[in-house]
């Protein structure tokens, strides 16, 4: 009887260890997400374009455009990581299967504002950026088969600066 209890305890312990080992969500032993070398889509084109507003309070930033091909319907593109910034990936209304990441440069990343004064007082900094990227690299986060996965986009092409024109102030008369 004692051996049955020991056997059941050993099996239970092994099952718990196996279950917890699966909870990493695609992360490696150093805690950084693992990059998928063979994503379920093709990267057809990828470029970024810096922009500046025509008025001082308009700000500046960078937009990244990534066009994908052979993307199956069970893939959901989630985020784009670029130069230590993270943006939601937005589907372009003009171009089929093109995703855009909008990055503003004038936002302070180290301050977290909250309507709850207790949370704002704590002002917990964000997690460190999870990837080591060159200036011409980005990472796409996507969900496939109910799992979050990541793939690197290398050799992003830089397009010409987009300078929005300044507007004349409206005359109130």
C-alpha atoms as a PDB file:
ATOM      1  CA  UNK A   1       0.000   0.000   0.000  1.00  0.00           C
ATOM      2  CA  UNK A   2       2.870   2.298   0.834  1.00  0.00           C
ATOM      3  CA  UNK A   3       4.407   1.781  -2.616  1.00  0.00           C
ATOM      4  CA  UNK A   4       1.106   2.771  -4.260  1.00  0.00           C
ATOM      5  CA  UNK A   5       1.097   6.053  -2.309  1.00  0.00           C
ATOM      6  CA  UNK A   6       4.722   6.731  -3.264  1.00  0.00           C
ATOM      7  CA  UNK A   7       3.989   5.910  -6.904  1.00  0.00           C
ATOM      8  CA  UNK A   8       0.894   8.142  -6.929  1.00  0.00           C
ATOM      9  CA  UNK A   9       2.852  10.956  -5.284  1.00  0.00           C
ATOM     10  CA  UNK A  10       5.693  10.636  -7.800  1.00  0.00           C
ATOM     11  CA  UNK A  11       3.291  10.642 -10.749  1.00  0.00           C
ATOM     12  CA  UNK A  12       1.420  13.660  -9.339  1.00  0.00           C
ATOM     13  CA  UNK A  13       4.666  15.554  -8.832  1.00  0.00           C
ATOM     14  CA  UNK A  14       5.806  14.737 -12.376  1.00  0.00           C
ATOM     15  CA  UNK A  15       2.481  15.947 -13.804  1.00  0.00           C
ATOM     16  CA  UNK A  16       2.711  19.236 -11.882  1.00  0.00           C
ATOM     17  CA  UNK A  17       6.266  19.819 -13.112  1.00  0.00           C
ATOM     18  CA  UNK A  18       5.251  19.102 -16.711  1.00  0.00           C
ATOM     19  CA  UNK A  19       2.260  21.453 -16.477  1.00  0.00           C
ATOM     20  CA  UNK A  20       4.319  24.308 -15.061  1.00  0.00           C
ATOM     21  CA  UNK A  21       7.059  23.764 -17.627  1.00  0.00           C
ATOM     22  CA  UNK A  22       4.507  24.530 -20.359  1.00  0.00           C
ATOM     23  CA  UNK A  23       3.564  27.927 -18.855  1.00  0.00           C
ATOM     24  CA  UNK A  24       6.486  29.857 -20.338  1.00  0.00           C
ATOM     25  CA  UNK A  25       4.481  31.081 -23.331  1.00  0.00           C
ATOM     26  CA  UNK A  26       7.295  30.685 -25.841  1.00  0.00           C
ATOM     27  CA  UNK A  27       9.978  32.260 -23.652  1.00  0.00           C
ATOM     28  CA  UNK A  28      13.529  30.997 -23.403  1.00  0.00           C
ATOM     29  CA  UNK A  29      15.461  30.381 -20.208  1.00  0.00           C
ATOM     30  CA  UNK A  30      16.598  34.038 -20.091  1.00  0.00           C
ATOM     31  CA  UNK A  31      12.956  35.190 -19.996  1.00  0.00           C
ATOM     32  CA  UNK A  32      12.979  36.718 -23.475  1.00  0.00           C
ATOM     33  CA  UNK A  33      10.452  35.536 -26.063  1.00  0.00           C
ATOM     34  CA  UNK A  34      11.684  32.960 -28.544  1.00  0.00           C
ATOM     35  CA  UNK A  35      11.695  34.093 -32.181  1.00  0.00           C
ATOM     36  CA  UNK A  36       9.968  31.861 -34.729  1.00  0.00           C
ATOM     37  CA  UNK A  37      12.179  31.306 -37.781  1.00  0.00           C
ATOM     38  CA  UNK A  38       9.326  29.930 -39.931  1.00  0.00           C
ATOM     39  CA  UNK A  39       6.169  31.988 -39.364  1.00  0.00           C
ATOM     40  CA  UNK A  40       2.902  30.925 -41.048  1.00  0.00           C
ATOM     41  CA  UNK A  41       3.120  33.856 -43.484  1.00  0.00           C
ATOM     42  CA  UNK A  42       5.601  35.536 -45.813  1.00  0.00           C
ATOM     43  CA  UNK A  43       6.967  39.043 -45.349  1.00  0.00           C
ATOM     44  CA  UNK A  44       6.580  40.635 -48.777  1.00  0.00           C
ATOM     45  CA  UNK A  45       7.698  44.185 -47.982  1.00  0.00           C
ATOM     46  CA  UNK A  46       8.755  46.087 -44.874  1.00  0.00           C
ATOM     47  CA  UNK A  47       9.760  49.701 -44.451  1.00  0.00           C
ATOM     48  CA  UNK A  48       9.598  52.558 -41.979  1.00  0.00           C
ATOM     49  CA  UNK A  49       9.037  56.252 -42.466  1.00  0.00           C
ATOM     50  CA  UNK A  50       9.810  59.044 -40.019  1.00  0.00           C
ATOM     51  CA  UNK A  51       7.352  61.940 -39.916  1.00  0.00           C
ATOM     52  CA  UNK A  52       7.164  65.389 -38.349  1.00  0.00           C
ATOM     53  CA  UNK A  53       4.106  67.526 -37.829  1.00  0.00           C
ATOM     54  CA  UNK A  54       3.864  71.007 -39.274  1.00  0.00           C
ATOM     55  CA  UNK A  55       3.227  72.556 -35.861  1.00  0.00           C
ATOM     56  CA  UNK A  56       5.385  72.253 -32.715  1.00  0.00           C
ATOM     57  CA  UNK A  57       2.709  70.572 -30.584  1.00  0.00           C
ATOM     58  CA  UNK A  58       2.000  68.086 -33.389  1.00  0.00           C
ATOM     59  CA  UNK A  59       4.985  65.937 -32.487  1.00  0.00           C
ATOM     60  CA  UNK A  60       6.961  63.476 -34.558  1.00  0.00           C
ATOM     61  CA  UNK A  61       7.295  59.757 -34.925  1.00  0.00           C
ATOM     62  CA  UNK A  62       7.883  56.746 -37.099  1.00  0.00           C
ATOM     63  CA  UNK A  63       5.411  54.520 -38.896  1.00  0.00           C
ATOM     64  CA  UNK A  64       6.317  50.956 -39.874  1.00  0.00           C
ATOM     65  CA  UNK A  65       4.594  49.252 -42.799  1.00  0.00           C
ATOM     66  CA  UNK A  66       4.786  45.464 -43.122  1.00  0.00           C
ATOM     67  CA  UNK A  67       3.055  43.679 -46.009  1.00  0.00           C
ATOM     68  CA  UNK A  68       2.363  39.979 -45.551  1.00  0.00           C
ATOM     69  CA  UNK A  69       1.508  37.214 -47.992  1.00  0.00           C
ATOM     70  CA  UNK A  70       0.200  33.661 -47.670  1.00  0.00           C
ATOM     71  CA  UNK A  71      -1.274  34.488 -44.264  1.00  0.00           C
ATOM     72  CA  UNK A  72      -3.810  31.975 -43.015  1.00  0.00           C
ATOM     73  CA  UNK A  73      -7.052  33.055 -41.385  1.00  0.00           C
ATOM     74  CA  UNK A  74      -6.084  31.617 -37.999  1.00  0.00           C
ATOM     75  CA  UNK A  75      -3.159  34.060 -37.649  1.00  0.00           C
ATOM     76  CA  UNK A  76      -3.814  37.310 -35.775  1.00  0.00           C
ATOM     77  CA  UNK A  77      -1.108  39.976 -36.017  1.00  0.00           C
ATOM     78  CA  UNK A  78      -0.959  41.669 -32.616  1.00  0.00           C
ATOM     79  CA  UNK A  79       1.990  44.017 -32.017  1.00  0.00           C
ATOM     80  CA  UNK A  80       5.083  45.468 -33.651  1.00  0.00           C
ATOM     81  CA  UNK A  81       8.289  46.016 -31.655  1.00  0.00           C
ATOM     82  CA  UNK A  82      10.733  48.618 -32.970  1.00  0.00           C
ATOM     83  CA  UNK A  83      13.589  50.624 -31.407  1.00  0.00           C
ATOM     84  CA  UNK A  84      12.592  49.857 -27.829  1.00  0.00           C
ATOM     85  CA  UNK A  85       8.964  50.838 -28.514  1.00  0.00           C
ATOM     86  CA  UNK A  86       5.817  48.734 -28.870  1.00  0.00           C
ATOM     87  CA  UNK A  87       2.770  49.495 -31.016  1.00  0.00           C
ATOM     88  CA  UNK A  88      -0.458  47.701 -31.773  1.00  0.00           C
ATOM     89  CA  UNK A  89      -0.391  46.372 -35.333  1.00  0.00           C
ATOM     90  CA  UNK A  90      -3.179  48.069 -37.284  1.00  0.00           C
ATOM     91  CA  UNK A  91      -4.479  46.640 -40.549  1.00  0.00           C
ATOM     92  CA  UNK A  92      -4.125  49.195 -43.343  1.00  0.00           C
ATOM     93  CA  UNK A  93      -7.463  50.325 -44.786  1.00  0.00           C
ATOM     94  CA  UNK A  94      -5.822  50.959 -48.187  1.00  0.00           C
ATOM     95  CA  UNK A  95      -3.511  47.982 -48.709  1.00  0.00           C
ATOM     96  CA  UNK A  96      -4.535  44.336 -48.299  1.00  0.00           C
ATOM     97  CA  UNK A  97      -2.566  42.412 -45.649  1.00  0.00           C
ATOM     98  CA  UNK A  98      -0.439  45.429 -44.745  1.00  0.00           C
ATOM     99  CA  UNK A  99       0.039  46.120 -41.045  1.00  0.00           C
ATOM    100  CA  UNK A 100       1.124  49.460 -39.648  1.00  0.00           C
ATOM    101  CA  UNK A 101       2.801  50.305 -36.363  1.00  0.00           C
ATOM    102  CA  UNK A 102       2.488  53.933 -35.225  1.00  0.00           C
ATOM    103  CA  UNK A 103       5.290  55.129 -32.946  1.00  0.00           C
ATOM    104  CA  UNK A 104       5.297  58.657 -31.491  1.00  0.00           C
ATOM    105  CA  UNK A 105       8.667  59.992 -30.356  1.00  0.00           C
ATOM    106  CA  UNK A 106       7.397  62.757 -28.109  1.00  0.00           C
ATOM    107  CA  UNK A 107       5.727  60.527 -25.522  1.00  0.00           C
ATOM    108  CA  UNK A 108       7.478  59.981 -22.220  1.00  0.00           C
ATOM    109  CA  UNK A 109       7.731  56.228 -21.816  1.00  0.00           C
ATOM    110  CA  UNK A 110       8.793  56.222 -18.160  1.00  0.00           C
ATOM    111  CA  UNK A 111       5.648  57.797 -16.663  1.00  0.00           C
ATOM    112  CA  UNK A 112       2.490  55.780 -16.258  1.00  0.00           C
ATOM    113  CA  UNK A 113      -0.602  57.927 -15.795  1.00  0.00           C
ATOM    114  CA  UNK A 114      -3.682  56.474 -14.107  1.00  0.00           C
ATOM    115  CA  UNK A 115      -7.034  57.869 -13.029  1.00  0.00           C
ATOM    116  CA  UNK A 116      -6.554  56.092  -9.691  1.00  0.00           C
ATOM    117  CA  UNK A 117      -4.156  58.264  -7.608  1.00  0.00           C
ATOM    118  CA  UNK A 118      -2.929  55.250  -5.636  1.00  0.00           C
ATOM    119  CA  UNK A 119      -1.843  53.447  -8.819  1.00  0.00           C
ATOM    120  CA  UNK A 120      -0.306  56.611 -10.246  1.00  0.00           C
ATOM    121  CA  UNK A 121       1.651  57.196  -7.032  1.00  0.00           C
ATOM    122  CA  UNK A 122       3.125  53.721  -7.349  1.00  0.00           C
ATOM    123  CA  UNK A 123       4.183  54.555 -10.936  1.00  0.00           C
ATOM    124  CA  UNK A 124       5.525  51.084 -11.648  1.00  0.00           C
ATOM    125  CA  UNK A 125       7.819  51.192 -14.687  1.00  0.00           C
ATOM    126  CA  UNK A 126       7.051  49.041 -17.690  1.00  0.00           C
ATOM    127  CA  UNK A 127       8.795  45.754 -18.322  1.00  0.00           C
ATOM    128  CA  UNK A 128      12.158  46.015 -20.083  1.00  0.00           C
ATOM    129  CA  UNK A 129      12.048  45.786 -23.872  1.00  0.00           C
ATOM    130  CA  UNK A 130      12.156  42.041 -24.616  1.00  0.00           C
ATOM    131  CA  UNK A 131      14.296  42.039 -27.783  1.00  0.00           C
ATOM    132  CA  UNK A 132      17.787  43.061 -28.870  1.00  0.00           C
ATOM    133  CA  UNK A 133      17.214  44.697 -32.263  1.00  0.00           C
ATOM    134  CA  UNK A 134      19.281  46.667 -34.740  1.00  0.00           C
ATOM    135  CA  UNK A 135      17.929  50.014 -35.963  1.00  0.00           C
ATOM    136  CA  UNK A 136      16.625  48.384 -39.150  1.00  0.00           C
ATOM    137  CA  UNK A 137      14.909  45.458 -37.406  1.00  0.00           C
ATOM    138  CA  UNK A 138      11.476  44.928 -35.917  1.00  0.00           C
ATOM    139  CA  UNK A 139       9.582  42.034 -34.358  1.00  0.00           C
ATOM    140  CA  UNK A 140       6.019  41.026 -35.170  1.00  0.00           C
ATOM    141  CA  UNK A 141       3.981  39.460 -32.361  1.00  0.00           C
ATOM    142  CA  UNK A 142       1.200  37.240 -33.646  1.00  0.00           C
ATOM    143  CA  UNK A 143      -1.222  34.667 -32.312  1.00  0.00           C
ATOM    144  CA  UNK A 144      -1.319  31.287 -34.053  1.00  0.00           C
ATOM    145  CA  UNK A 145      -2.978  28.112 -32.782  1.00  0.00           C
ATOM    146  CA  UNK A 146      -3.859  29.881 -29.495  1.00  0.00           C
ATOM    147  CA  UNK A 147      -0.210  30.675 -28.793  1.00  0.00           C
ATOM    148  CA  UNK A 148       1.612  34.021 -28.914  1.00  0.00           C
ATOM    149  CA  UNK A 149       4.598  33.833 -31.247  1.00  0.00           C
ATOM    150  CA  UNK A 150       7.223  36.290 -32.468  1.00  0.00           C
ATOM    151  CA  UNK A 151       9.218  36.687 -35.657  1.00  0.00           C
ATOM    152  CA  UNK A 152      11.985  39.093 -36.614  1.00  0.00           C
ATOM    153  CA  UNK A 153      11.771  41.415 -39.623  1.00  0.00           C
ATOM    154  CA  UNK A 154      15.264  42.360 -40.803  1.00  0.00           C
ATOM    155  CA  UNK A 155      16.546  44.925 -43.287  1.00  0.00           C
ATOM    156  CA  UNK A 156      13.672  47.374 -42.939  1.00  0.00           C
ATOM    157  CA  UNK A 157      13.935  49.915 -45.718  1.00  0.00           C
ATOM    158  CA  UNK A 158      13.891  53.586 -44.717  1.00  0.00           C
ATOM    159  CA  UNK A 159      11.581  55.787 -46.789  1.00  0.00           C
ATOM    160  CA  UNK A 160      11.951  59.550 -47.171  1.00  0.00           C
ATOM    161  CA  UNK A 161      10.904  61.749 -44.237  1.00  0.00           C
ATOM    162  CA  UNK A 162       7.256  62.765 -44.352  1.00  0.00           C
ATOM    163  CA  UNK A 163       6.981  66.420 -43.290  1.00  0.00           C
ATOM    164  CA  UNK A 164       3.392  67.483 -42.853  1.00  0.00           C
ATOM    165  CA  UNK A 165       2.857  71.109 -43.879  1.00  0.00           C
ATOM    166  CA  UNK A 166       2.128  73.721 -41.274  1.00  0.00           C
ATOM    167  CA  UNK A 167      -1.292  75.279 -41.407  1.00  0.00           C
ATOM    168  CA  UNK A 168      -2.135  78.928 -41.183  1.00  0.00           C
ATOM    169  CA  UNK A 169      -4.054  79.912 -38.076  1.00  0.00           C
ATOM    170  CA  UNK A 170      -7.729  80.446 -38.800  1.00  0.00           C
ATOM    171  CA  UNK A 171      -8.848  84.053 -38.783  1.00  0.00           C
ATOM    172  CA  UNK A 172     -11.641  84.522 -36.245  1.00  0.00           C
ATOM    173  CA  UNK A 173     -13.079  87.523 -38.110  1.00  0.00           C
END
